[in-house]
PDB file of N, CA and C in Angstrom:
ATOM      1  N   MET A   1      16.977  -1.756  45.350  1.00  0.00           N
ATOM      2  CA  MET A   1      16.084  -2.617  46.103  1.00  0.00           C
ATOM      3  C   MET A   1      14.881  -1.784  45.339  1.00  0.00           C
ATOM      4  N   ILE A   2      14.024  -2.579  45.299  1.00  0.00           N
ATOM      5  CA  ILE A   2      12.467  -1.972  44.653  1.00  0.00           C
ATOM      6  C   ILE A   2      11.513  -2.332  45.572  1.00  0.00           C
ATOM      7  N   GLU A   3      10.592  -1.314  46.123  1.00  0.00           N
ATOM      8  CA  GLU A   3      10.024  -1.730  47.339  1.00  0.00           C
ATOM      9  C   GLU A   3       8.419  -0.865  46.836  1.00  0.00           C
ATOM     10  N   GLY A   4       7.041  -1.575  47.246  1.00  0.00           N
ATOM     11  CA  GLY A   4       6.053  -0.827  47.012  1.00  0.00           C
ATOM     12  C   GLY A   4       4.712  -1.876  47.257  1.00  0.00           C
ATOM     13  N   LYS A   5       3.654  -1.334  47.059  1.00  0.00           N
ATOM     14  CA  LYS A   5       2.543  -2.284  46.990  1.00  0.00           C
ATOM     15  C   LYS A   5       1.675  -2.739  45.903  1.00  0.00           C
ATOM     16  N   GLY A   6       0.992  -3.396  46.043  1.00  0.00           N
ATOM     17  CA  GLY A   6       0.281  -3.920  44.933  1.00  0.00           C
ATOM     18  C   GLY A   6       1.411  -4.039  43.703  1.00  0.00           C
ATOM     19  N   ASP A   7       1.057  -3.897  42.424  1.00  0.00           N
ATOM     20  CA  ASP A   7       1.698  -4.331  41.524  1.00  0.00           C
ATOM     21  C   ASP A   7       3.032  -3.396  41.345  1.00  0.00           C
ATOM     22  N   VAL A   8       4.329  -4.176  41.448  1.00  0.00           N
ATOM     23  CA  VAL A   8       5.426  -3.634  41.374  1.00  0.00           C
ATOM     24  C   VAL A   8       6.301  -4.141  40.399  1.00  0.00           C
ATOM     25  N   GLY A   9       6.649  -3.569  39.471  1.00  0.00           N
ATOM     26  CA  GLY A   9       7.485  -4.166  38.192  1.00  0.00           C
ATOM     27  C   GLY A   9       8.980  -3.423  38.098  1.00  0.00           C
ATOM     28  N   ILE A  10       9.920  -3.755  37.458  1.00  0.00           N
ATOM     29  CA  ILE A  10      11.151  -2.785  37.026  1.00  0.00           C
ATOM     30  C   ILE A  10      11.324  -3.263  35.429  1.00  0.00           C
ATOM     31  N   PHE A  11      12.009  -2.342  34.784  1.00  0.00           N
ATOM     32  CA  PHE A  11      12.254  -2.402  33.553  1.00  0.00           C
ATOM     33  C   PHE A  11      14.034  -1.956  33.320  1.00  0.00           C
ATOM     34  N   LEU A  12      14.574  -2.555  32.826  1.00  0.00           N
ATOM     35  CA  LEU A  12      15.851  -2.412  32.802  1.00  0.00           C
ATOM     36  C   LEU A  12      16.540  -2.439  31.279  1.00  0.00           C
ATOM     37  N   ASN A  13      17.309  -1.364  31.110  1.00  0.00           N
ATOM     38  CA  ASN A  13      17.853  -1.332  29.512  1.00  0.00           C
ATOM     39  C   ASN A  13      19.245  -1.409  29.780  1.00  0.00           C
ATOM     40  N   TYR A  14      19.934  -2.273  29.028  1.00  0.00           N
ATOM     41  CA  TYR A  14      21.492  -2.309  29.032  1.00  0.00           C
ATOM     42  C   TYR A  14      22.134  -1.979  27.494  1.00  0.00           C
ATOM     43  N   LYS A  15      23.112  -1.252  27.684  1.00  0.00           N
ATOM     44  CA  LYS A  15      23.792  -0.978  26.611  1.00  0.00           C
ATOM     45  C   LYS A  15      24.850  -2.194  26.124  1.00  0.00           C
ATOM     46  N   THR A  16      24.734  -2.849  25.324  1.00  0.00           N
ATOM     47  CA  THR A  16      25.218  -3.850  24.987  1.00  0.00           C
ATOM     48  C   THR A  16      26.127  -3.820  23.750  1.00  0.00           C
ATOM     49  N   LYS A  17      27.308  -4.626  23.709  1.00  0.00           N
ATOM     50  CA  LYS A  17      28.054  -5.033  22.347  1.00  0.00           C
ATOM     51  C   LYS A  17      27.572  -5.850  21.539  1.00  0.00           C
ATOM     52  N   GLU A  18      27.821  -6.067  20.248  1.00  0.00           N
ATOM     53  CA  GLU A  18      27.462  -7.077  19.440  1.00  0.00           C
ATOM     54  C   GLU A  18      27.789  -8.619  20.190  1.00  0.00           C
ATOM     55  N   ASN A  19      26.941  -9.520  20.350  1.00  0.00           N
ATOM     56  CA  ASN A  19      26.975 -10.946  20.863  1.00  0.00           C
ATOM     57  C   ASN A  19      27.348 -10.805  22.402  1.00  0.00           C
ATOM     58  N   GLU A  20      26.913  -9.831  22.866  1.00  0.00           N
ATOM     59  CA  GLU A  20      27.481  -9.903  24.432  1.00  0.00           C
ATOM     60  C   GLU A  20      26.070 -10.463  25.125  1.00  0.00           C
ATOM     61  N   GLU A  21      26.326 -10.944  25.928  1.00  0.00           N
ATOM     62  CA  GLU A  21      25.095 -11.605  26.765  1.00  0.00           C
ATOM     63  C   GLU A  21      25.041 -11.194  28.145  1.00  0.00           C
ATOM     64  N   ILE A  22      23.978 -10.864  28.719  1.00  0.00           N
ATOM     65  CA  ILE A  22      23.644 -10.553  29.978  1.00  0.00           C
ATOM     66  C   ILE A  22      22.849 -11.690  30.857  1.00  0.00           C
ATOM     67  N   LEU A  23      23.474 -12.158  31.888  1.00  0.00           N
ATOM     68  CA  LEU A  23      22.790 -12.762  32.680  1.00  0.00           C
ATOM     69  C   LEU A  23      22.150 -12.451  33.883  1.00  0.00           C
ATOM     70  N   VAL A  24      20.799 -12.647  33.985  1.00  0.00           N
ATOM     71  CA  VAL A  24      19.968 -11.872  35.279  1.00  0.00           C
ATOM     72  C   VAL A  24      19.657 -13.287  35.962  1.00  0.00           C
ATOM     73  N   ARG A  25      19.815 -12.705  37.424  1.00  0.00           N
ATOM     74  CA  ARG A  25      19.405 -13.710  38.732  1.00  0.00           C
ATOM     75  C   ARG A  25      18.167 -12.877  39.112  1.00  0.00           C
ATOM     76  N   SER A  26      17.018 -13.309  39.499  1.00  0.00           N
ATOM     77  CA  SER A  26      16.054 -12.764  40.031  1.00  0.00           C
ATOM     78  C   SER A  26      15.371 -13.598  41.333  1.00  0.00           C
ATOM     79  N   GLY A  27      15.150 -13.426  42.285  1.00  0.00           N
ATOM     80  CA  GLY A  27      14.714 -14.053  43.233  1.00  0.00           C
ATOM     81  C   GLY A  27      13.038 -13.410  43.620  1.00  0.00           C
ATOM     82  N   VAL A  28      12.083 -14.127  43.726  1.00  0.00           N
ATOM     83  CA  VAL A  28      10.836 -13.655  43.827  1.00  0.00           C
ATOM     84  C   VAL A  28      10.211 -14.422  45.066  1.00  0.00           C
ATOM     85  N   SER A  29       9.560 -13.695  45.797  1.00  0.00           N
ATOM     86  CA  SER A  29       8.684 -13.791  47.061  1.00  0.00           C
ATOM     87  C   SER A  29       7.480 -12.944  47.180  1.00  0.00           C
ATOM     88  N   LEU A  30       6.337 -13.590  47.444  1.00  0.00           N
ATOM     89  CA  LEU A  30       5.095 -13.094  48.011  1.00  0.00           C
ATOM     90  C   LEU A  30       5.155 -12.381  49.215  1.00  0.00           C
ATOM     91  N   VAL A  31       6.190 -12.708  50.029  1.00  0.00           N
ATOM     92  CA  VAL A  31       5.984 -12.352  51.516  1.00  0.00           C
ATOM     93  C   VAL A  31       7.082 -11.009  51.613  1.00  0.00           C
ATOM     94  N   ASP A  32       8.281 -11.312  51.525  1.00  0.00           N
ATOM     95  CA  ASP A  32       9.381  -9.831  51.532  1.00  0.00           C
ATOM     96  C   ASP A  32      10.735 -10.411  50.973  1.00  0.00           C
ATOM     97  N   MET A  33      11.499  -9.391  50.921  1.00  0.00           N
ATOM     98  CA  MET A  33      12.937  -9.435  50.315  1.00  0.00           C
ATOM     99  C   MET A  33      13.197 -10.485  50.950  1.00  0.00           C
ATOM    100  N   ALA A  34      13.669 -10.524  52.604  1.00  0.00           N
ATOM    101  CA  ALA A  34      14.306 -11.875  52.829  1.00  0.00           C
ATOM    102  C   ALA A  34      13.956 -13.333  52.062  1.00  0.00           C
ATOM    103  N   GLY A  35      12.700 -13.116  52.234  1.00  0.00           N
ATOM    104  CA  GLY A  35      12.157 -14.570  51.349  1.00  0.00           C
ATOM    105  C   GLY A  35      12.713 -14.498  50.094  1.00  0.00           C
ATOM    106  N   ALA A  36      12.656 -13.447  49.185  1.00  0.00           N
ATOM    107  CA  ALA A  36      13.013 -13.558  47.887  1.00  0.00           C
ATOM    108  C   ALA A  36      14.777 -13.848  47.884  1.00  0.00           C
ATOM    109  N   ARG A  37      15.484 -13.265  48.611  1.00  0.00           N
ATOM    110  CA  ARG A  37      16.794 -13.673  48.740  1.00  0.00           C
ATOM    111  C   ARG A  37      16.817 -15.200  49.102  1.00  0.00           C
ATOM    112  N   ASP A  38      16.332 -15.583  50.006  1.00  0.00           N
ATOM    113  CA  ASP A  38      16.493 -17.108  50.686  1.00  0.00           C
ATOM    114  C   ASP A  38      16.184 -18.019  49.525  1.00  0.00           C
ATOM    115  N   ASN A  39      14.852 -17.750  48.738  1.00  0.00           N
ATOM    116  CA  ASN A  39      14.440 -18.636  47.712  1.00  0.00           C
ATOM    117  C   ASN A  39      15.586 -18.918  46.525  1.00  0.00           C
ATOM    118  N   LEU A  40      16.019 -17.419  46.222  1.00  0.00           N
ATOM    119  CA  LEU A  40      17.150 -17.328  45.014  1.00  0.00           C
ATOM    120  C   LEU A  40      18.317 -18.385  45.667  1.00  0.00           C
ATOM    121  N   LYS A  41      18.792 -17.984  46.675  1.00  0.00           N
ATOM    122  CA  LYS A  41      20.179 -18.845  47.292  1.00  0.00           C
ATOM    123  C   LYS A  41      19.528 -20.476  47.304  1.00  0.00           C
ATOM    124  N   GLN A  42      18.413 -21.004  47.879  1.00  0.00           N
ATOM    125  CA  GLN A  42      18.153 -22.019  48.068  1.00  0.00           C
ATOM    126  C   GLN A  42      17.740 -22.912  46.430  1.00  0.00           C
ATOM    127  N   GLU A  43      16.900 -21.965  45.495  1.00  0.00           N
ATOM    128  CA  GLU A  43      16.741 -22.695  44.493  1.00  0.00           C
ATOM    129  C   GLU A  43      17.863 -22.709  43.165  1.00  0.00           C
ATOM    130  N   LEU A  44      18.563 -21.681  43.216  1.00  0.00           N
ATOM    131  CA  LEU A  44      19.226 -21.173  42.497  1.00  0.00           C
ATOM    132  C   LEU A  44      21.064 -21.544  42.730  1.00  0.00           C
ATOM    133  N   SER A  45      21.476 -20.917  43.686  1.00  0.00           N
ATOM    134  CA  SER A  45      22.902 -20.791  43.875  1.00  0.00           C
ATOM    135  C   SER A  45      23.304 -22.080  44.527  1.00  0.00           C
ATOM    136  N   ASP A  46      22.825 -22.419  45.544  1.00  0.00           N
ATOM    137  CA  ASP A  46      22.978 -23.743  46.058  1.00  0.00           C
ATOM    138  C   ASP A  46      23.250 -24.919  45.467  1.00  0.00           C
ATOM    139  N   PRO A  47      21.822 -25.333  44.430  1.00  0.00           N
ATOM    140  CA  PRO A  47      22.081 -26.349  43.904  1.00  0.00           C
ATOM    141  C   PRO A  47      22.867 -26.347  42.524  1.00  0.00           C
ATOM    142  N   PHE A  48      23.089 -25.213  41.986  1.00  0.00           N
ATOM    143  CA  PHE A  48      23.656 -24.911  40.686  1.00  0.00           C
ATOM    144  C   PHE A  48      24.940 -24.113  40.674  1.00  0.00           C
ATOM    145  N   GLY A  49      25.308 -23.425  41.741  1.00  0.00           N
ATOM    146  CA  GLY A  49      26.402 -22.443  41.755  1.00  0.00           C
ATOM    147  C   GLY A  49      26.438 -21.424  40.739  1.00  0.00           C
ATOM    148  N   TRP A  50      24.921 -21.091  40.359  1.00  0.00           N
ATOM    149  CA  TRP A  50      25.223 -19.776  39.555  1.00  0.00           C
ATOM    150  C   TRP A  50      25.740 -20.064  38.040  1.00  0.00           C
ATOM    151  N   ASP A  51      25.408 -21.427  37.503  1.00  0.00           N
ATOM    152  CA  ASP A  51      25.812 -22.023  36.399  1.00  0.00           C
ATOM    153  C   ASP A  51      24.651 -22.331  35.614  1.00  0.00           C
ATOM    154  N   PHE A  52      24.739 -21.054  34.747  1.00  0.00           N
ATOM    155  CA  PHE A  52      23.571 -21.247  33.822  1.00  0.00           C
ATOM    156  C   PHE A  52      23.100 -22.730  32.951  1.00  0.00           C
ATOM    157  N   GLU A  53      24.023 -22.999  32.599  1.00  0.00           N
ATOM    158  CA  GLU A  53      23.944 -24.323  31.843  1.00  0.00           C
ATOM    159  C   GLU A  53      23.375 -25.361  32.556  1.00  0.00           C
ATOM    160  N   LYS A  54      23.800 -25.363  33.944  1.00  0.00           N
ATOM    161  CA  LYS A  54      23.392 -26.368  35.013  1.00  0.00           C
ATOM    162  C   LYS A  54      21.810 -26.302  35.060  1.00  0.00           C
ATOM    163  N   VAL A  55      21.389 -24.982  35.337  1.00  0.00           N
ATOM    164  CA  VAL A  55      19.996 -24.839  35.450  1.00  0.00           C
ATOM    165  C   VAL A  55      19.282 -25.094  34.101  1.00  0.00           C
ATOM    166  N   VAL A  56      19.737 -24.780  32.858  1.00  0.00           N
ATOM    167  CA  VAL A  56      19.254 -25.205  31.498  1.00  0.00           C
ATOM    168  C   VAL A  56      18.844 -26.896  31.693  1.00  0.00           C
ATOM    169  N   ASP A  57      20.186 -27.358  31.926  1.00  0.00           N
ATOM    170  CA  ASP A  57      19.959 -28.824  32.095  1.00  0.00           C
ATOM    171  C   ASP A  57      19.343 -29.781  32.966  1.00  0.00           C
ATOM    172  N   ASN A  58      19.104 -28.952  34.198  1.00  0.00           N
ATOM    173  CA  ASN A  58      17.875 -29.368  35.136  1.00  0.00           C
ATOM    174  C   ASN A  58      16.604 -29.409  34.770  1.00  0.00           C
ATOM    175  N   ALA A  59      16.261 -27.982  34.192  1.00  0.00           N
ATOM    176  CA  ALA A  59      14.960 -27.576  33.652  1.00  0.00           C
ATOM    177  C   ALA A  59      14.639 -28.711  32.608  1.00  0.00           C
ATOM    178  N   ARG A  60      15.317 -28.883  31.700  1.00  0.00           N
ATOM    179  CA  ARG A  60      15.209 -29.847  30.476  1.00  0.00           C
ATOM    180  C   ARG A  60      14.955 -31.656  31.273  1.00  0.00           C
ATOM    181  N   ALA A  61      15.788 -31.674  32.127  1.00  0.00           N
ATOM    182  CA  ALA A  61      15.620 -33.431  32.779  1.00  0.00           C
ATOM    183  C   ALA A  61      14.219 -33.297  33.527  1.00  0.00           C
ATOM    184  N   VAL A  62      13.760 -32.201  34.350  1.00  0.00           N
ATOM    185  CA  VAL A  62      12.733 -32.342  35.008  1.00  0.00           C
ATOM    186  C   VAL A  62      11.559 -32.188  34.051  1.00  0.00           C
ATOM    187  N   TRP A  63      11.348 -31.575  33.217  1.00  0.00           N
ATOM    188  CA  TRP A  63      10.387 -31.882  32.192  1.00  0.00           C
ATOM    189  C   TRP A  63      10.184 -32.888  31.463  1.00  0.00           C
ATOM    190  N   ASN A  64      11.522 -33.545  31.035  1.00  0.00           N
ATOM    191  CA  ASN A  64      11.493 -34.735  30.330  1.00  0.00           C
ATOM    192  C   ASN A  64      11.149 -35.814  31.134  1.00  0.00           C
ATOM    193  N   GLU A  65      11.250 -35.500  32.293  1.00  0.00           N
ATOM    194  CA  GLU A  65      10.710 -36.777  33.453  1.00  0.00           C
ATOM    195  C   GLU A  65       9.378 -36.737  33.515  1.00  0.00           C
ATOM    196  N   TYR A  66       8.854 -35.532  33.712  1.00  0.00           N
ATOM    197  CA  TYR A  66       7.377 -35.104  33.731  1.00  0.00           C
ATOM    198  C   TYR A  66       6.548 -35.779  32.805  1.00  0.00           C
ATOM    199  N   LEU A  67       7.059 -35.053  31.359  1.00  0.00           N
ATOM    200  CA  LEU A  67       6.294 -35.314  30.044  1.00  0.00           C
ATOM    201  C   LEU A  67       6.472 -36.677  29.895  1.00  0.00           C
ATOM    202  N   GLY A  68       7.654 -37.650  30.273  1.00  0.00           N
ATOM    203  CA  GLY A  68       7.776 -38.817  30.207  1.00  0.00           C
ATOM    204  C   GLY A  68       6.800 -39.912  30.720  1.00  0.00           C
ATOM    205  N   ARG A  69       6.202 -39.314  31.903  1.00  0.00           N
ATOM    206  CA  ARG A  69       5.441 -40.335  32.780  1.00  0.00           C
ATOM    207  C   ARG A  69       4.488 -41.156  32.123  1.00  0.00           C
ATOM    208  N   ILE A  70       3.754 -40.206  31.015  1.00  0.00           N
ATOM    209  CA  ILE A  70       2.689 -40.807  30.158  1.00  0.00           C
ATOM    210  C   ILE A  70       2.933 -40.932  28.574  1.00  0.00           C
ATOM    211  N   ALA A  71       2.771 -41.768  28.201  1.00  0.00           N
ATOM    212  CA  ALA A  71       2.871 -42.186  26.694  1.00  0.00           C
ATOM    213  C   ALA A  71       1.507 -42.199  25.967  1.00  0.00           C
ATOM    214  N   ILE A  72       1.621 -41.522  24.989  1.00  0.00           N
ATOM    215  CA  ILE A  72       0.375 -41.532  23.968  1.00  0.00           C
ATOM    216  C   ILE A  72       1.106 -42.719  22.663  1.00  0.00           C
ATOM    217  N   GLU A  73      -0.052 -43.633  22.242  1.00  0.00           N
ATOM    218  CA  GLU A  73       0.491 -44.053  21.167  1.00  0.00           C
ATOM    219  C   GLU A  73      -0.432 -43.918  20.111  1.00  0.00           C
ATOM    220  N   THR A  74      -0.222 -43.149  19.028  1.00  0.00           N
ATOM    221  CA  THR A  74      -0.773 -43.108  18.008  1.00  0.00           C
ATOM    222  C   THR A  74       0.270 -42.418  16.702  1.00  0.00           C
ATOM    223  N   ASP A  75       0.055 -42.930  15.699  1.00  0.00           N
ATOM    224  CA  ASP A  75       0.443 -42.237  14.422  1.00  0.00           C
ATOM    225  C   ASP A  75       0.021 -41.010  14.041  1.00  0.00           C
ATOM    226  N   ASP A  76      -0.672 -40.194  14.604  1.00  0.00           N
ATOM    227  CA  ASP A  76      -1.345 -39.109  14.135  1.00  0.00           C
ATOM    228  C   ASP A  76      -0.438 -37.952  15.127  1.00  0.00           C
ATOM    229  N   TYR A  77       0.265 -37.635  14.161  1.00  0.00           N
ATOM    230  CA  TYR A  77       1.343 -36.425  14.888  1.00  0.00           C
ATOM    231  C   TYR A  77       0.414 -35.437  15.600  1.00  0.00           C
ATOM    232  N   LEU A  78      -0.267 -34.950  15.013  1.00  0.00           N
ATOM    233  CA  LEU A  78      -1.087 -33.713  15.685  1.00  0.00           C
ATOM    234  C   LEU A  78      -1.979 -33.977  17.088  1.00  0.00           C
ATOM    235  N   GLN A  79      -2.517 -35.162  17.023  1.00  0.00           N
ATOM    236  CA  GLN A  79      -3.134 -35.769  18.249  1.00  0.00           C
ATOM    237  C   GLN A  79      -1.958 -35.808  19.271  1.00  0.00           C
ATOM    238  N   LYS A  80      -0.609 -36.309  19.189  1.00  0.00           N
ATOM    239  CA  LYS A  80       0.375 -36.599  19.914  1.00  0.00           C
ATOM    240  C   LYS A  80       0.861 -35.121  20.244  1.00  0.00           C
ATOM    241  N   LYS A  81       1.052 -34.263  19.541  1.00  0.00           N
ATOM    242  CA  LYS A  81       1.439 -32.964  19.619  1.00  0.00           C
ATOM    243  C   LYS A  81       0.371 -32.153  20.831  1.00  0.00           C
ATOM    244  N   LYS A  82      -0.885 -32.281  20.373  1.00  0.00           N
ATOM    245  CA  LYS A  82      -1.906 -31.617  21.295  1.00  0.00           C
ATOM    246  C   LYS A  82      -1.613 -32.265  22.621  1.00  0.00           C
ATOM    247  N   PHE A  83      -1.645 -33.554  22.717  1.00  0.00           N
ATOM    248  CA  PHE A  83      -1.592 -34.287  24.118  1.00  0.00           C
ATOM    249  C   PHE A  83      -0.668 -33.641  24.931  1.00  0.00           C
ATOM    250  N   TYR A  84       0.758 -33.649  24.366  1.00  0.00           N
ATOM    251  CA  TYR A  84       1.757 -33.307  25.116  1.00  0.00           C
ATOM    252  C   TYR A  84       1.677 -31.903  25.572  1.00  0.00           C
ATOM    253  N   THR A  85       1.111 -31.272  24.560  1.00  0.00           N
ATOM    254  CA  THR A  85       1.089 -29.567  24.711  1.00  0.00           C
ATOM    255  C   THR A  85       0.166 -29.377  26.094  1.00  0.00           C
ATOM    256  N   ASN A  86      -1.028 -29.897  26.186  1.00  0.00           N
ATOM    257  CA  ASN A  86      -1.976 -29.922  26.989  1.00  0.00           C
ATOM    258  C   ASN A  86      -1.434 -30.448  28.426  1.00  0.00           C
ATOM    259  N   LEU A  87      -0.906 -31.518  28.259  1.00  0.00           N
ATOM    260  CA  LEU A  87      -0.191 -31.973  29.738  1.00  0.00           C
ATOM    261  C   LEU A  87       1.073 -30.790  30.168  1.00  0.00           C
ATOM    262  N   TYR A  88       1.901 -30.362  29.268  1.00  0.00           N
ATOM    263  CA  TYR A  88       2.586 -29.382  29.723  1.00  0.00           C
ATOM    264  C   TYR A  88       1.929 -28.264  30.359  1.00  0.00           C
ATOM    265  N   ARG A  89       1.046 -27.492  29.565  1.00  0.00           N
ATOM    266  CA  ARG A  89       0.191 -26.860  30.291  1.00  0.00           C
ATOM    267  C   ARG A  89      -0.608 -27.358  31.854  1.00  0.00           C
ATOM    268  N   ALA A  90      -1.203 -28.412  31.782  1.00  0.00           N
ATOM    269  CA  ALA A  90      -1.162 -28.433  33.030  1.00  0.00           C
ATOM    270  C   ALA A  90      -0.439 -28.474  34.066  1.00  0.00           C
ATOM    271  N   LEU A  91       0.848 -29.027  33.976  1.00  0.00           N
ATOM    272  CA  LEU A  91       1.909 -29.274  34.512  1.00  0.00           C
ATOM    273  C   LEU A  91       2.549 -27.832  35.156  1.00  0.00           C
ATOM    274  N   ALA A  92       2.467 -26.970  34.073  1.00  0.00           N
ATOM    275  CA  ALA A  92       3.184 -25.422  34.288  1.00  0.00           C
ATOM    276  C   ALA A  92       2.063 -24.647  34.981  1.00  0.00           C
ATOM    277  N   ALA A  93       0.544 -24.738  34.935  1.00  0.00           N
ATOM    278  CA  ALA A  93      -0.135 -23.931  35.841  1.00  0.00           C
ATOM    279  C   ALA A  93       0.041 -23.957  37.070  1.00  0.00           C
ATOM    280  N   LYS A  94       0.536 -24.926  37.675  1.00  0.00           N
ATOM    281  CA  LYS A  94       0.787 -25.298  39.055  1.00  0.00           C
ATOM    282  C   LYS A  94       1.759 -23.807  39.777  1.00  0.00           C
ATOM    283  N   ALA A  95       1.314 -22.901  40.430  1.00  0.00           N
ATOM    284  CA  ALA A  95       2.515 -21.948  40.881  1.00  0.00           C
ATOM    285  C   ALA A  95       2.895 -22.036  42.390  1.00  0.00           C
ATOM    286  N   THR A  96       3.815 -21.951  42.633  1.00  0.00           N
ATOM    287  CA  THR A  96       4.500 -21.969  44.264  1.00  0.00           C
ATOM    288  C   THR A  96       3.970 -20.639  44.902  1.00  0.00           C
ATOM    289  N   TRP A  97       3.303 -20.964  45.864  1.00  0.00           N
ATOM    290  CA  TRP A  97       2.662 -19.724  46.860  1.00  0.00           C
ATOM    291  C   TRP A  97       3.255 -19.354  47.805  1.00  0.00           C
ATOM    292  N   SER A  98       4.443 -20.401  48.056  1.00  0.00           N
ATOM    293  CA  SER A  98       5.071 -20.108  49.577  1.00  0.00           C
ATOM    294  C   SER A  98       6.351 -19.957  49.183  1.00  0.00           C
ATOM    295  N   ASP A  99       7.202 -19.281  50.209  1.00  0.00           N
ATOM    296  CA  ASP A  99       8.620 -19.381  50.100  1.00  0.00           C
ATOM    297  C   ASP A  99       9.240 -20.676  50.692  1.00  0.00           C
ATOM    298  N   MET A 100      10.537 -21.130  50.276  1.00  0.00           N
ATOM    299  CA  MET A 100      11.419 -21.815  50.633  1.00  0.00           C
ATOM    300  C   MET A 100      11.122 -22.173  52.313  1.00  0.00           C
ATOM    301  N   ASP A 101      11.245 -21.214  52.993  1.00  0.00           N
ATOM    302  CA  ASP A 101      10.914 -21.603  54.507  1.00  0.00           C
ATOM    303  C   ASP A 101       9.856 -21.768  55.048  1.00  0.00           C
ATOM    304  N   GLY A 102       8.548 -21.934  53.748  1.00  0.00           N
ATOM    305  CA  GLY A 102       7.314 -22.320  54.345  1.00  0.00           C
ATOM    306  C   GLY A 102       6.478 -20.981  54.301  1.00  0.00           C
ATOM    307  N   ARG A 103       6.898 -19.938  54.697  1.00  0.00           N
ATOM    308  CA  ARG A 103       5.853 -18.453  55.142  1.00  0.00           C
ATOM    309  C   ARG A 103       5.179 -18.434  53.474  1.00  0.00           C
ATOM    310  N   PHE A 104       4.188 -17.641  53.777  1.00  0.00           N
ATOM    311  CA  PHE A 104       3.133 -17.429  52.543  1.00  0.00           C
ATOM    312  C   PHE A 104       2.216 -16.340  52.934  1.00  0.00           C
ATOM    313  N   VAL A 105       1.853 -15.472  52.261  1.00  0.00           N
ATOM    314  CA  VAL A 105       0.768 -14.518  52.580  1.00  0.00           C
ATOM    315  C   VAL A 105      -0.646 -14.971  52.063  1.00  0.00           C
ATOM    316  N   ASP A 106      -1.651 -14.724  53.279  1.00  0.00           N
ATOM    317  CA  ASP A 106      -3.031 -15.416  52.752  1.00  0.00           C
ATOM    318  C   ASP A 106      -3.769 -14.449  52.204  1.00  0.00           C
ATOM    319  N   GLU A 107      -4.930 -14.562  52.364  1.00  0.00           N
ATOM    320  CA  GLU A 107      -5.850 -13.545  51.213  1.00  0.00           C
ATOM    321  C   GLU A 107      -6.336 -12.374  51.996  1.00  0.00           C
ATOM    322  N   ASP A 108      -5.794 -12.426  53.543  1.00  0.00           N
ATOM    323  CA  ASP A 108      -6.145 -11.143  54.089  1.00  0.00           C
ATOM    324  C   ASP A 108      -4.910 -10.285  54.359  1.00  0.00           C
ATOM    325  N   GLU A 109      -3.687 -10.703  53.761  1.00  0.00           N
ATOM    326  CA  GLU A 109      -2.659 -10.491  53.438  1.00  0.00           C
ATOM    327  C   GLU A 109      -1.585 -10.302  54.819  1.00  0.00           C
ATOM    328  N   ARG A 110      -2.150 -11.494  55.384  1.00  0.00           N
ATOM    329  CA  ARG A 110      -1.273 -11.641  56.655  1.00  0.00           C
ATOM    330  C   ARG A 110       0.056 -12.920  56.324  1.00  0.00           C
ATOM    331  N   ILE A 111       1.012 -12.514  56.896  1.00  0.00           N
ATOM    332  CA  ILE A 111       2.047 -13.553  56.738  1.00  0.00           C
ATOM    333  C   ILE A 111       1.766 -14.564  57.462  1.00  0.00           C
ATOM    334  N   ARG A 112       1.852 -15.983  56.879  1.00  0.00           N
ATOM    335  CA  ARG A 112       1.457 -17.325  57.374  1.00  0.00           C
ATOM    336  C   ARG A 112       2.715 -18.175  57.292  1.00  0.00           C
ATOM    337  N   GLN A 113       2.696 -19.309  58.132  1.00  0.00           N
ATOM    338  CA  GLN A 113       3.838 -20.649  57.912  1.00  0.00           C
ATOM    339  C   GLN A 113       2.998 -21.892  57.806  1.00  0.00           C
ATOM    340  N   LEU A 114       3.625 -22.569  56.716  1.00  0.00           N
ATOM    341  CA  LEU A 114       3.089 -24.006  56.680  1.00  0.00           C
ATOM    342  C   LEU A 114       3.500 -24.755  57.969  1.00  0.00           C
ATOM    343  N   GLU A 115       2.646 -25.530  58.531  1.00  0.00           N
ATOM    344  CA  GLU A 115       2.630 -26.290  59.614  1.00  0.00           C
ATOM    345  C   GLU A 115       3.695 -27.538  59.263  1.00  0.00           C
ATOM    346  N   LYS A 116       3.603 -28.101  58.151  1.00  0.00           N
ATOM    347  CA  LYS A 116       4.750 -28.835  57.623  1.00  0.00           C
ATOM    348  C   LYS A 116       5.563 -28.543  56.789  1.00  0.00           C
ATOM    349  N   THR A 117       6.926 -29.296  56.628  1.00  0.00           N
ATOM    350  CA  THR A 117       7.656 -28.837  55.615  1.00  0.00           C
ATOM    351  C   THR A 117       7.071 -29.082  54.200  1.00  0.00           C
ATOM    352  N   GLY A 118       7.333 -28.125  53.223  1.00  0.00           N
ATOM    353  CA  GLY A 118       6.597 -28.420  51.998  1.00  0.00           C
ATOM    354  C   GLY A 118       6.344 -27.161  51.445  1.00  0.00           C
ATOM    355  N   ARG A 119       5.733 -27.102  50.059  1.00  0.00           N
ATOM    356  CA  ARG A 119       5.346 -25.845  49.490  1.00  0.00           C
ATOM    357  C   ARG A 119       3.607 -25.854  49.526  1.00  0.00           C
ATOM    358  N   LEU A 120       3.338 -24.462  49.140  1.00  0.00           N
ATOM    359  CA  LEU A 120       1.672 -24.090  49.132  1.00  0.00           C
ATOM    360  C   LEU A 120       1.835 -23.692  47.697  1.00  0.00           C
ATOM    361  N   TYR A 121       1.032 -24.657  46.967  1.00  0.00           N
ATOM    362  CA  TYR A 121       0.891 -24.311  45.354  1.00  0.00           C
ATOM    363  C   TYR A 121      -0.741 -23.809  45.159  1.00  0.00           C
ATOM    364  N   ARG A 122      -0.630 -23.037  44.126  1.00  0.00           N
ATOM    365  CA  ARG A 122      -2.001 -22.448  43.538  1.00  0.00           C
ATOM    366  C   ARG A 122      -1.935 -22.681  42.055  1.00  0.00           C
ATOM    367  N   LYS A 123      -3.081 -23.191  41.946  1.00  0.00           N
ATOM    368  CA  LYS A 123      -3.577 -23.352  40.299  1.00  0.00           C
ATOM    369  C   LYS A 123      -3.679 -22.178  39.850  1.00  0.00           C
ATOM    370  N   GLN A 124      -3.192 -21.987  38.467  1.00  0.00           N
ATOM    371  CA  GLN A 124      -3.051 -20.389  37.439  1.00  0.00           C
ATOM    372  C   GLN A 124      -4.264 -20.310  37.219  1.00  0.00           C
TER     373      GLN A 124
END
């Protein structure tokens, strides 16, 4: 377990054999370790059972659904590429600021609870 205040990070180095893969799971919370564990459980293990391919397939389906909401009609490939790239960036800029249980840390570093079920988002 890693603990600290301010910016906290980790660097890991694995000795691997040729073509060996390492799968890493990480839980993130701006509140506490319990929130990180719960987020990991609810966002990964419960819906996907730690199956990496299921996670990849879900991410692809979600992004295809988002990017498929708007269609641009043009024969100009560059314009189409710019449009969808910017649409992706606009959607990806949204960051979850609360844990799955609705807790979040406010500007005064106090733990708060959302009144209603949902997520707190912050634009990057």
